[in-house]
N, C-alpha and C. Protein backbone atom coordinates (compact mmCIF):
# COMPACT_ATOMS: atom_id res chain seq x y z
N UNK A 1 34.45 -19.83 27.88
CA UNK A 1 35.27 -20.60 27.36
C UNK A 1 36.10 -22.50 26.70
N UNK A 2 36.46 -22.63 27.98
CA UNK A 2 36.19 -24.71 27.63
C UNK A 2 34.77 -24.45 27.18
N UNK A 3 34.49 -24.68 27.32
CA UNK A 3 32.44 -25.20 26.27
C UNK A 3 33.25 -24.11 24.94
N UNK A 4 34.05 -23.34 24.56
CA UNK A 4 34.07 -23.14 22.96
C UNK A 4 35.04 -24.49 23.23
N UNK A 5 35.61 -24.40 23.31
CA UNK A 5 37.74 -24.68 23.09
C UNK A 5 36.58 -26.79 22.92
N UNK A 6 35.92 -27.34 23.45
CA UNK A 6 34.91 -28.74 23.43
C UNK A 6 33.68 -28.91 21.72
N UNK A 7 33.55 -27.25 22.63
CA UNK A 7 32.76 -27.57 20.48
C UNK A 7 33.62 -27.26 19.82
N UNK A 8 34.47 -26.11 19.33
CA UNK A 8 36.23 -26.13 17.88
C UNK A 8 36.16 -27.66 18.16
N UNK A 9 37.00 -28.52 18.48
CA UNK A 9 37.12 -30.37 19.11
C UNK A 9 36.40 -30.41 18.25
N UNK A 10 34.84 -30.97 18.67
CA UNK A 10 33.99 -31.60 18.35
C UNK A 10 34.41 -31.03 16.43
N UNK A 11 33.79 -30.57 16.61
CA UNK A 11 34.28 -29.48 14.91
C UNK A 11 35.52 -30.13 14.81
N UNK A 12 36.46 -29.79 14.92
CA UNK A 12 37.25 -30.91 14.28
C UNK A 12 37.77 -32.04 14.38
N UNK A 13 36.80 -32.46 14.93
CA UNK A 13 36.62 -33.98 14.92
C UNK A 13 36.11 -34.78 13.84
N UNK A 14 34.06 -34.25 13.61
CA UNK A 14 33.27 -34.46 12.57
C UNK A 14 34.37 -33.90 11.28
N UNK A 15 34.98 -32.71 11.62
CA UNK A 15 35.39 -32.71 10.13
C UNK A 15 36.78 -33.94 9.76
N UNK A 16 37.16 -33.85 10.20
CA UNK A 16 38.67 -34.95 10.16
C UNK A 16 38.43 -35.91 9.99
N UNK A 17 36.58 -36.90 10.19
CA UNK A 17 37.08 -37.38 10.19
C UNK A 17 35.84 -37.57 7.98
N UNK A 18 35.99 -36.71 8.17
CA UNK A 18 35.48 -36.82 6.23
C UNK A 18 36.95 -37.36 5.52
N UNK A 19 35.83 -37.73 4.44
CA UNK A 19 37.25 -38.29 4.21
C UNK A 19 37.73 -37.02 2.88
N UNK A 20 38.41 -37.22 2.30
CA UNK A 20 39.91 -36.18 1.25
C UNK A 20 38.83 -36.21 0.67
N UNK A 21 37.89 -37.02 -0.54
CA UNK A 21 36.95 -36.58 -0.96
C UNK A 21 35.76 -34.88 -0.49
N UNK A 22 35.16 -35.87 -0.04
CA UNK A 22 34.37 -34.92 0.65
C UNK A 22 34.78 -33.63 0.82
N UNK A 23 36.12 -33.74 1.89
CA UNK A 23 37.66 -32.38 1.90
C UNK A 23 37.19 -31.37 0.32
N UNK A 24 37.79 -31.91 -0.18
CA UNK A 24 37.97 -31.56 -1.12
C UNK A 24 37.12 -31.11 -2.24
N UNK A 25 35.76 -31.38 -2.21
CA UNK A 25 34.33 -31.06 -2.43
C UNK A 25 34.17 -29.62 -1.92
N UNK A 26 34.01 -29.67 -0.52
CA UNK A 26 33.22 -28.60 0.08
C UNK A 26 34.87 -26.80 0.20
N UNK A 27 35.74 -27.47 0.35
CA UNK A 27 36.98 -26.71 -0.27
C UNK A 27 36.40 -26.16 -1.23
N UNK A 28 35.94 -27.15 -2.82
CA UNK A 28 35.86 -25.81 -4.12
C UNK A 28 35.11 -25.43 -3.34
N UNK A 29 33.99 -25.44 -3.43
CA UNK A 29 32.63 -24.98 -3.50
C UNK A 29 33.27 -23.91 -1.77
N UNK A 30 33.10 -23.60 -1.39
CA UNK A 30 33.71 -22.62 -0.57
C UNK A 30 34.49 -21.72 -1.95
N UNK A 31 35.68 -22.25 -1.92
CA UNK A 31 37.06 -21.38 -2.91
C UNK A 31 35.45 -20.23 -4.12
N UNK A 32 34.77 -21.29 -4.62
CA UNK A 32 33.42 -20.92 -5.92
C UNK A 32 32.98 -20.17 -5.41
N UNK A 33 31.76 -20.72 -4.14
CA UNK A 33 30.77 -19.80 -4.06
C UNK A 33 31.52 -18.38 -3.16
N UNK A 34 32.98 -18.43 -2.07
CA UNK A 34 33.16 -17.08 -2.01
C UNK A 34 33.58 -16.57 -3.59
N UNK A 35 34.03 -17.05 -4.69
CA UNK A 35 34.23 -16.18 -5.47
C UNK A 35 33.63 -15.44 -6.52
N UNK A 36 31.90 -16.24 -5.84
CA UNK A 36 30.78 -16.02 -6.31
C UNK A 36 30.16 -14.12 -5.88
N UNK A 37 30.06 -14.59 -4.39
CA UNK A 37 29.51 -13.83 -3.89
C UNK A 37 30.92 -12.66 -4.24
N UNK A 38 31.71 -12.20 -4.67
CA UNK A 38 33.48 -11.54 -4.60
C UNK A 38 32.28 -10.61 -6.64
N UNK A 39 31.49 -11.92 -6.75
CA UNK A 39 31.29 -12.10 -8.40
C UNK A 39 30.27 -10.57 -8.26
N UNK A 40 28.92 -11.07 -7.01
CA UNK A 40 28.35 -10.48 -7.66
C UNK A 40 28.13 -9.70 -6.14
N UNK A 41 28.89 -8.69 -5.82
CA UNK A 41 29.12 -7.51 -4.77
C UNK A 41 30.28 -6.21 -6.15
N UNK A 42 30.88 -6.85 -7.16
CA UNK A 42 30.95 -5.96 -8.48
C UNK A 42 30.59 -5.07 -8.17
N UNK A 43 29.02 -4.75 -8.56
CA UNK A 43 28.56 -4.03 -9.01
C UNK A 43 27.52 -3.44 -8.74
N UNK A 44 27.52 -3.76 -6.91
CA UNK A 44 26.83 -3.20 -5.93
C UNK A 44 28.06 -1.40 -5.32
N UNK A 45 27.30 -0.74 -4.84
CA UNK A 45 27.07 0.41 -3.94
C UNK A 45 26.78 0.77 -3.00
N UNK A 46 27.13 -0.34 -2.12
CA UNK A 46 26.07 0.23 -0.90
C UNK A 46 26.53 2.18 -0.26
N UNK A 47 25.66 2.11 0.12
CA UNK A 47 26.44 3.53 0.95
C UNK A 47 27.47 3.40 1.12
N UNK A 48 28.26 4.53 2.19
CA UNK A 48 29.24 4.23 2.76
C UNK A 48 30.99 3.17 1.93
N UNK A 49 30.59 2.71 1.21
CA UNK A 49 31.16 1.79 0.75
C UNK A 49 31.79 2.04 -0.83
N UNK A 50 31.31 3.60 -0.99
CA UNK A 50 32.12 4.17 -2.28
C UNK A 50 33.69 5.43 -1.53
N UNK A 51 33.89 6.01 -2.74
CA UNK A 51 34.41 6.64 -3.04
C UNK A 51 35.06 7.62 -4.55
N UNK A 52 34.45 8.59 -4.54
CA UNK A 52 34.04 9.30 -5.52
C UNK A 52 33.13 8.94 -6.42
N UNK A 53 32.87 7.89 -6.07
CA UNK A 53 31.68 6.71 -7.23
C UNK A 53 32.43 5.37 -7.40
N UNK A 54 33.28 4.73 -6.80
CA UNK A 54 34.29 3.72 -6.81
C UNK A 54 34.23 3.33 -5.63
N UNK A 55 34.40 1.89 -6.13
CA UNK A 55 33.50 1.20 -5.39
C UNK A 55 35.08 -0.32 -5.15
N UNK A 56 35.23 -0.70 -4.09
CA UNK A 56 36.09 -1.69 -4.29
C UNK A 56 36.49 -1.98 -4.93
N UNK A 57 37.23 -3.41 -5.00
CA UNK A 57 37.20 -4.18 -6.37
C UNK A 57 37.12 -6.21 -5.32
N UNK A 58 36.16 -5.82 -5.71
CA UNK A 58 36.13 -7.38 -4.78
C UNK A 58 36.61 -8.52 -5.85
N UNK A 59 36.79 -8.53 -7.20
CA UNK A 59 37.73 -9.52 -7.40
C UNK A 59 39.29 -9.23 -6.93
N UNK A 60 39.36 -8.68 -7.47
CA UNK A 60 41.12 -8.26 -7.53
C UNK A 60 41.51 -8.75 -5.63
N UNK A 61 40.52 -8.37 -4.16
CA UNK A 61 40.23 -9.22 -3.64
C UNK A 61 41.17 -10.37 -3.17
N UNK A 62 39.51 -11.43 -3.77
CA UNK A 62 39.48 -12.21 -3.56
C UNK A 62 40.98 -13.05 -4.42
N UNK A 63 41.61 -12.39 -5.98
CA UNK A 63 43.14 -12.85 -6.56
C UNK A 63 43.73 -13.34 -5.52
N UNK A 64 44.37 -11.89 -5.04
CA UNK A 64 45.79 -11.58 -3.69
C UNK A 64 45.11 -13.32 -3.48
N UNK A 65 43.78 -12.42 -2.28
CA UNK A 65 43.84 -13.60 -1.22
C UNK A 65 43.84 -15.08 -1.69
N UNK A 66 43.60 -15.41 -2.74
CA UNK A 66 43.96 -17.19 -3.31
C UNK A 66 45.32 -17.27 -3.49
N UNK A 67 46.38 -15.78 -4.17
CA UNK A 67 47.63 -16.23 -4.03
C UNK A 67 48.56 -15.87 -3.54
N UNK A 68 48.24 -15.49 -2.87
CA UNK A 68 48.88 -14.71 -1.55
C UNK A 68 49.50 -16.57 -0.88
N UNK A 69 49.04 -18.11 -0.85
CA UNK A 69 49.33 -19.14 -0.73
C UNK A 69 50.01 -20.27 -1.76
N UNK A 70 48.89 -19.80 -3.12
CA UNK A 70 49.80 -20.59 -4.42
C UNK A 70 51.14 -20.04 -4.90
N UNK A 71 50.82 -20.97 -6.14
CA UNK A 71 51.93 -21.25 -6.99
C UNK A 71 51.74 -20.14 -8.30
N UNK A 72 52.39 -19.89 -8.52
CA UNK A 72 51.71 -18.20 -10.10
C UNK A 72 51.31 -18.96 -10.81
N UNK A 73 51.31 -20.26 -11.37
CA UNK A 73 50.08 -20.23 -12.72
C UNK A 73 48.79 -21.19 -11.62
N UNK A 74 48.83 -21.46 -10.71
CA UNK A 74 46.87 -21.19 -9.57
C UNK A 74 46.44 -19.88 -10.12
N UNK A 75 47.68 -19.03 -9.57
CA UNK A 75 47.04 -17.82 -9.13
C UNK A 75 46.47 -16.57 -11.07
N UNK A 76 47.60 -17.25 -11.78
CA UNK A 76 46.63 -16.71 -12.84
C UNK A 76 45.86 -17.80 -13.36
N UNK A 77 45.94 -18.35 -12.86
CA UNK A 77 44.64 -19.51 -13.76
C UNK A 77 42.91 -18.86 -12.93
N UNK A 78 43.03 -17.85 -11.55
CA UNK A 78 41.81 -17.67 -10.73
C UNK A 78 41.94 -16.58 -11.76
N UNK A 79 43.34 -15.63 -11.90
CA UNK A 79 43.13 -14.11 -12.85
C UNK A 79 42.23 -14.25 -13.29
N UNK A 80 42.13 -14.89 -14.11
CA UNK A 80 41.90 -14.77 -16.11
C UNK A 80 40.73 -15.72 -16.02
N UNK A 81 40.37 -16.15 -15.15
CA UNK A 81 38.85 -17.40 -14.83
C UNK A 81 38.15 -15.13 -14.15
N UNK A 82 38.00 -15.50 -13.00
CA UNK A 82 36.89 -13.72 -12.35
C UNK A 82 38.17 -13.37 -13.74
N UNK A 83 38.38 -12.59 -14.88
CA UNK A 83 37.95 -12.05 -15.51
C UNK A 83 37.58 -12.07 -16.95
N UNK A 84 37.73 -13.04 -17.71
CA UNK A 84 37.18 -13.42 -17.85
C UNK A 84 34.99 -13.12 -17.78
N UNK A 85 35.20 -13.72 -16.16
CA UNK A 85 32.95 -13.31 -16.03
C UNK A 85 33.36 -12.14 -15.59
N UNK A 86 34.38 -11.32 -15.42
CA UNK A 86 34.39 -9.83 -15.11
C UNK A 86 34.30 -8.95 -16.47
N UNK A 87 35.01 -9.40 -17.09
CA UNK A 87 34.12 -9.58 -18.97
C UNK A 87 32.80 -9.93 -19.12
N UNK A 88 31.88 -10.43 -18.92
CA UNK A 88 31.18 -11.13 -18.86
C UNK A 88 29.99 -9.54 -18.75
N UNK A 89 30.85 -9.38 -16.92
CA UNK A 89 29.15 -8.59 -16.50
C UNK A 89 29.47 -7.24 -17.19
N UNK A 90 30.33 -6.99 -18.21
CA UNK A 90 31.24 -5.29 -18.73
C UNK A 90 30.96 -5.79 -19.71
N UNK A 91 31.96 -4.85 -20.84
CA UNK A 91 32.31 -4.92 -21.79
C UNK A 91 33.85 -5.43 -22.01
N UNK A 92 33.45 -6.41 -23.32
CA UNK A 92 35.48 -7.30 -23.62
C UNK A 92 36.07 -6.74 -23.41
N UNK A 93 36.12 -5.50 -23.98
CA UNK A 93 37.56 -4.49 -23.76
C UNK A 93 37.92 -3.61 -23.09
N UNK A 94 38.47 -3.13 -22.48
CA UNK A 94 39.11 -3.85 -22.34
C UNK A 94 39.28 -5.07 -21.57
N UNK A 95 40.08 -6.32 -21.86
CA UNK A 95 39.81 -6.94 -20.76
C UNK A 95 40.28 -7.21 -19.17
N UNK A 96 39.80 -7.49 -18.26
CA UNK A 96 40.43 -8.06 -17.37
C UNK A 96 41.40 -9.06 -16.80
N UNK A 97 40.69 -9.78 -17.84
CA UNK A 97 41.72 -11.12 -16.66
C UNK A 97 42.81 -10.97 -16.89
N UNK A 98 43.47 -10.33 -18.41
CA UNK A 98 45.13 -9.79 -18.66
C UNK A 98 45.73 -8.84 -17.12
N UNK A 99 44.38 -8.01 -16.41
CA UNK A 99 45.07 -7.64 -15.40
C UNK A 99 45.35 -8.16 -15.14
N UNK A 100 44.44 -9.10 -14.32
CA UNK A 100 43.91 -10.18 -12.62
C UNK A 100 44.91 -11.49 -12.81
N UNK A 101 45.33 -11.64 -14.12
CA UNK A 101 45.87 -13.12 -14.25
C UNK A 101 47.28 -12.25 -14.10
N UNK A 102 47.68 -10.69 -14.41
CA UNK A 102 49.42 -10.34 -13.40
C UNK A 102 49.07 -9.84 -12.46
N UNK A 103 47.95 -9.92 -11.97
CA UNK A 103 47.73 -9.98 -10.21
C UNK A 103 47.94 -11.51 -10.13
N UNK A 104 48.43 -11.90 -9.50
CA UNK A 104 47.50 -13.30 -9.84
C UNK A 104 48.69 -14.07 -9.73
N UNK A 105 49.95 -13.74 -10.25
CA UNK A 105 51.77 -13.65 -10.67
C UNK A 105 51.68 -12.90 -9.87
N UNK A 106 51.72 -12.10 -9.71
CA UNK A 106 53.02 -11.65 -8.92
C UNK A 106 52.54 -11.16 -7.56
N UNK A 107 51.68 -11.86 -7.75
CA UNK A 107 51.30 -11.97 -6.34
C UNK A 107 51.54 -13.17 -5.93
N UNK A 108 51.31 -14.45 -6.24
CA UNK A 108 52.44 -15.87 -6.45
C UNK A 108 53.43 -14.84 -5.96
N UNK A 109 54.27 -15.31 -6.90
CA UNK A 109 55.43 -15.31 -6.33
C UNK A 109 56.67 -13.87 -6.15
N UNK A 110 55.05 -13.71 -5.16
CA UNK A 110 56.57 -12.64 -4.46
C UNK A 110 57.41 -13.54 -2.40
N UNK A 111 58.34 -13.14 -3.02
CA UNK A 111 58.66 -14.13 -1.54
C UNK A 111 58.48 -13.88 -0.28
N UNK A 112 56.82 -14.03 0.62
CA UNK A 112 55.96 -14.61 1.18
C UNK A 112 57.36 -14.93 2.37
N UNK A 113 58.28 -15.65 2.52
CA UNK A 113 58.32 -15.75 3.52
C UNK A 113 60.33 -14.52 4.84
N UNK A 114 59.67 -14.14 3.22
CA UNK A 114 60.96 -13.22 3.33
C UNK A 114 60.61 -11.42 3.76
N UNK A 115 59.13 -11.30 2.54
CA UNK A 115 59.17 -10.45 2.22
C UNK A 115 57.84 -10.14 3.98
N UNK A 116 56.56 -11.36 2.61
CA UNK A 116 55.17 -10.32 3.63
C UNK A 116 55.33 -12.04 4.42
N UNK A 117 54.45 -11.35 5.55
CA UNK A 117 53.71 -11.95 6.54
C UNK A 117 52.62 -12.16 6.86
N UNK A 118 52.36 -12.03 5.95
CA UNK A 118 50.59 -12.82 5.94
C UNK A 118 49.74 -12.24 7.29
N UNK A 119 49.62 -11.11 7.44
CA UNK A 119 48.91 -10.57 8.57
C UNK A 119 48.22 -9.97 7.30
N UNK A 120 46.84 -9.17 8.26
CA UNK A 120 46.36 -8.09 7.62
C UNK A 120 46.54 -6.65 6.91
N UNK A 121 48.23 -6.47 7.83
CA UNK A 121 48.56 -4.99 6.63
C UNK A 121 49.02 -5.55 4.87
N UNK A 122 50.07 -6.33 5.38
CA UNK A 122 50.53 -7.44 4.85
C UNK A 122 49.62 -7.41 3.03
N UNK A 123 48.82 -8.22 3.35
CA UNK A 123 47.48 -8.11 2.82
C UNK A 123 47.55 -6.51 2.03
N UNK A 124 46.86 -5.67 2.95
CA UNK A 124 46.34 -5.35 2.22
C UNK A 124 47.61 -4.05 1.43
N UNK A 125 48.38 -3.60 2.22
CA UNK A 125 49.60 -3.72 1.41
C UNK A 125 49.36 -3.98 -0.03
N UNK A 126 50.03 -4.63 -0.14
CA UNK A 126 49.29 -6.02 -0.92
C UNK A 126 48.79 -5.21 -2.59
N UNK A 127 47.09 -5.33 -1.79
CA UNK A 127 45.91 -5.03 -2.67
C UNK A 127 45.92 -3.78 -2.86
N UNK A 128 46.64 -2.80 -2.25
CA UNK A 128 46.83 -1.77 -2.63
C UNK A 128 47.76 -1.60 -3.79
N UNK A 129 48.92 -2.25 -4.05
CA UNK A 129 49.55 -2.41 -4.98
C UNK A 129 49.04 -3.40 -6.28
N UNK A 130 48.78 -4.01 -6.01
CA UNK A 130 48.02 -4.23 -7.00
C UNK A 130 46.93 -3.97 -8.43
N UNK A 131 46.14 -3.57 -6.87
CA UNK A 131 45.02 -2.18 -7.82
C UNK A 131 45.22 -1.28 -8.38
N UNK A 132 46.67 -0.50 -7.63
CA UNK A 132 46.92 0.55 -8.75
C UNK A 132 47.60 -0.24 -9.99
N UNK A 133 48.66 -1.64 -9.69
CA UNK A 133 48.79 -2.19 -11.53
C UNK A 133 48.02 -3.33 -11.47
N UNK A 134 47.15 -3.01 -11.96
CA UNK A 134 45.59 -3.69 -12.39
C UNK A 134 45.42 -2.19 -13.08
N UNK A 135 45.03 -1.66 -12.30
CA UNK A 135 44.36 0.10 -13.50
C UNK A 135 45.21 0.51 -13.75
N UNK A 136 46.35 0.36 -13.85
CA UNK A 136 47.44 0.75 -14.73
C UNK A 136 47.15 0.38 -16.12
N UNK A 137 46.94 -1.09 -16.08
CA UNK A 137 47.42 -2.26 -17.53
C UNK A 137 45.84 -2.11 -18.21
N UNK A 138 44.42 -1.80 -17.35
CA UNK A 138 43.33 -1.50 -18.13
C UNK A 138 43.79 -0.55 -18.77
N UNK A 139 44.37 1.82 -18.32
CA UNK A 139 44.53 2.34 -18.37
C UNK A 139 45.68 2.41 -19.81
N UNK A 140 46.04 1.90 -19.53
CA UNK A 140 46.89 1.44 -20.47
C UNK A 140 46.50 0.32 -21.71
N UNK A 141 45.66 -0.19 -21.51
CA UNK A 141 44.64 -0.52 -22.83
C UNK A 141 43.84 -0.07 -23.51
N UNK A 142 42.36 1.24 -22.52
CA UNK A 142 42.30 1.78 -23.11
C UNK A 142 43.03 3.39 -24.18
N UNK A 143 44.16 3.38 -23.48
CA UNK A 143 44.75 3.81 -23.95
C UNK A 143 45.16 3.32 -26.09
N UNK A 144 45.64 2.35 -25.78
CA UNK A 144 46.35 1.52 -27.10
C UNK A 144 44.90 1.16 -28.11
N UNK A 145 43.30 1.24 -27.22
CA UNK A 145 42.76 0.49 -28.59
C UNK A 145 41.53 2.55 -28.90
N UNK A 146 42.88 3.19 -28.58
CA UNK A 146 42.32 4.84 -28.21
C UNK A 146 40.97 5.36 -28.38
N UNK A 147 40.50 4.42 -27.20
CA UNK A 147 38.66 5.43 -26.77
C UNK A 147 38.36 6.81 -27.03
N UNK A 148 39.38 7.13 -26.03
CA UNK A 148 39.49 8.83 -25.79
C UNK A 148 41.48 9.56 -26.20
N UNK A 149 41.59 10.12 -25.50
CA UNK A 149 42.68 11.23 -25.30
C UNK A 149 43.54 10.41 -25.41
N UNK A 150 44.64 10.28 -25.02
CA UNK A 150 45.72 9.91 -23.89
C UNK A 150 46.54 11.28 -22.53
N UNK A 151 45.42 12.12 -22.56
CA UNK A 151 44.88 12.84 -21.43
C UNK A 151 44.25 12.70 -20.22
N UNK A 152 43.29 11.76 -21.62
CA UNK A 152 42.03 11.93 -20.35
C UNK A 152 42.18 10.84 -19.46
N UNK A 153 42.56 10.27 -20.64
CA UNK A 153 42.31 8.71 -20.25
C UNK A 153 43.30 8.56 -18.88
N UNK A 154 44.70 9.58 -18.88
CA UNK A 154 45.70 9.96 -17.15
C UNK A 154 45.19 10.54 -16.13
N UNK A 155 44.50 10.83 -16.68
CA UNK A 155 43.87 11.88 -15.77
C UNK A 155 43.23 11.17 -14.61
N UNK A 156 41.99 10.47 -15.71
CA UNK A 156 40.61 9.59 -14.44
C UNK A 156 41.50 8.90 -14.15
N UNK A 157 42.87 7.89 -15.17
CA UNK A 157 43.50 6.86 -14.32
C UNK A 157 43.55 7.02 -12.81
N UNK A 158 44.40 8.75 -12.65
CA UNK A 158 44.37 9.07 -11.48
C UNK A 158 44.04 8.81 -10.32
N UNK A 159 42.71 9.07 -10.30
CA UNK A 159 41.44 8.69 -9.54
C UNK A 159 41.36 7.88 -9.15
N UNK A 160 40.93 6.76 -11.04
CA UNK A 160 40.28 5.24 -10.63
C UNK A 160 41.88 4.94 -10.33
N UNK A 161 43.07 4.68 -9.46
CA UNK A 161 43.46 3.81 -9.71
C UNK A 161 43.88 3.77 -7.88
N UNK A 162 43.76 5.54 -8.13
CA UNK A 162 43.97 5.56 -6.27
C UNK A 162 42.41 5.44 -5.25
N UNK A 163 41.31 6.27 -6.21
CA UNK A 163 39.97 5.08 -4.91
C UNK A 163 39.07 4.30 -4.91
N UNK A 164 39.95 3.07 -6.41
CA UNK A 164 40.14 1.92 -5.91
C UNK A 164 41.08 1.44 -5.00
N UNK A 165 41.55 1.22 -5.22
CA UNK A 165 43.29 0.98 -3.96
C UNK A 165 43.02 1.39 -2.50
N UNK A 166 42.55 2.65 -2.71
CA UNK A 166 41.76 2.36 -0.91
C UNK A 166 41.23 2.17 -0.68
N UNK A 167 40.43 1.84 -0.94
CA UNK A 167 38.90 1.67 -0.65
C UNK A 167 39.52 -0.57 -0.71
N UNK A 168 39.97 -0.50 -2.23
CA UNK A 168 40.00 -2.35 -1.93
C UNK A 168 40.90 -2.39 -1.21
N UNK A 169 42.93 -2.02 -0.77
CA UNK A 169 42.89 -2.86 0.27
C UNK A 169 42.73 -2.38 1.68
N UNK A 170 40.88 -1.22 1.53
CA UNK A 170 40.28 -1.00 3.51
C UNK A 170 39.68 -2.25 3.96
N UNK A 171 38.79 -2.89 2.74
CA UNK A 171 37.63 -4.52 2.74
C UNK A 171 38.97 -5.21 2.21
N UNK A 172 39.80 -5.27 2.60
CA UNK A 172 40.79 -6.78 1.42
C UNK A 172 40.95 -7.28 3.47
N UNK A 173 41.08 -6.63 4.31
CA UNK A 173 41.00 -8.32 5.70
C UNK A 173 39.05 -8.66 5.80
N UNK A 174 38.74 -8.50 5.24
CA UNK A 174 37.16 -8.45 5.12
C UNK A 174 37.11 -10.09 4.50
N UNK A 175 37.99 -10.14 3.13
CA UNK A 175 38.01 -11.75 2.01
C UNK A 175 39.39 -12.13 2.69
N UNK A 176 39.63 -11.85 2.91
CA UNK A 176 41.32 -12.43 3.11
C UNK A 176 41.42 -13.18 4.67
N UNK A 177 40.06 -13.01 6.09
CA UNK A 177 40.46 -12.92 6.53
C UNK A 177 39.70 -14.88 6.96
N UNK A 178 38.56 -14.30 7.13
CA UNK A 178 37.47 -16.02 6.93
C UNK A 178 38.53 -17.03 5.64
N UNK A 179 38.61 -16.45 4.12
CA UNK A 179 38.72 -17.15 3.23
C UNK A 179 40.64 -18.64 3.70
N UNK A 180 40.86 -17.67 4.40
CA UNK A 180 42.68 -17.92 4.95
C UNK A 180 42.76 -18.75 5.96
N UNK A 181 41.19 -18.21 7.28
CA UNK A 181 41.43 -19.26 8.08
C UNK A 181 40.47 -20.77 7.33
N UNK A 182 40.19 -20.82 6.90
CA UNK A 182 39.18 -21.89 5.94
C UNK A 182 40.37 -22.64 5.61
N UNK A 183 41.07 -22.18 5.08
CA UNK A 183 42.44 -22.96 3.72
C UNK A 183 43.61 -23.76 5.28
N UNK A 184 44.13 -22.31 6.02
CA UNK A 184 44.62 -23.30 6.81
C UNK A 184 43.72 -24.31 7.89
N UNK A 185 43.06 -24.17 7.88
CA UNK A 185 42.31 -25.71 8.97
C UNK A 185 41.52 -26.57 7.55
N UNK A 186 41.31 -25.97 6.60
CA UNK A 186 41.62 -26.98 5.29
C UNK A 186 42.64 -28.06 5.32
N UNK A 187 43.95 -27.02 5.70
CA UNK A 187 45.15 -27.69 5.50
C UNK A 187 45.61 -28.16 7.17
N UNK A 188 45.76 -27.76 8.21
CA UNK A 188 45.56 -28.57 9.65
C UNK A 188 45.02 -30.16 9.36
N UNK A 189 43.62 -30.45 8.35
CA UNK A 189 42.85 -32.18 8.64
C UNK A 189 43.45 -32.57 7.09
N UNK A 190 44.23 -32.24 6.53
CA UNK A 190 44.96 -32.59 5.16
C UNK A 190 46.50 -32.99 6.42
N UNK A 191 46.93 -32.84 6.84
CA UNK A 191 48.14 -32.95 7.28
C UNK A 191 47.22 -33.97 8.93
N UNK A 192 46.68 -34.31 8.97
CA UNK A 192 46.06 -35.57 10.07
C UNK A 192 46.36 -37.02 9.65
């Protein structure tokens, strides 16, 4: 126990000696690397990780994890950037940038101190609600572009939104916990 605490203290002292520029660079690499990992996980279908053929929305989980402790502008910027990357992997219509930007803005604007205590359950509930919202925005875009009949779109929307929301909220702590720990660690180093 003491040995673990000594190792942690030693690693903290090494990181605190880093210059602010090095910390910002490593922090940026962690943020971009984790977003890139979520982007790569998006098209994968691991056994047991799908529900009715639908997988978790990893980019939405990342945008929520990012936006919980940031401004609405930062949440929107992350949502647009990741949405455009997702559009690059899929068809550009309907765009994912709109729904992920909306998720980033709304997550950042939640009165976190009052309603959200930033634990696993709170973040999972936020991800659940934001997934339903994002899938609804996508369904609205499908109906505006007239790809299918309105009845077909909204029938599939219910299945997709609920399945994606359940899976995304269950997997949200896998993305949120390490990123939140890292960002808290960086913030504590900057306050030294």
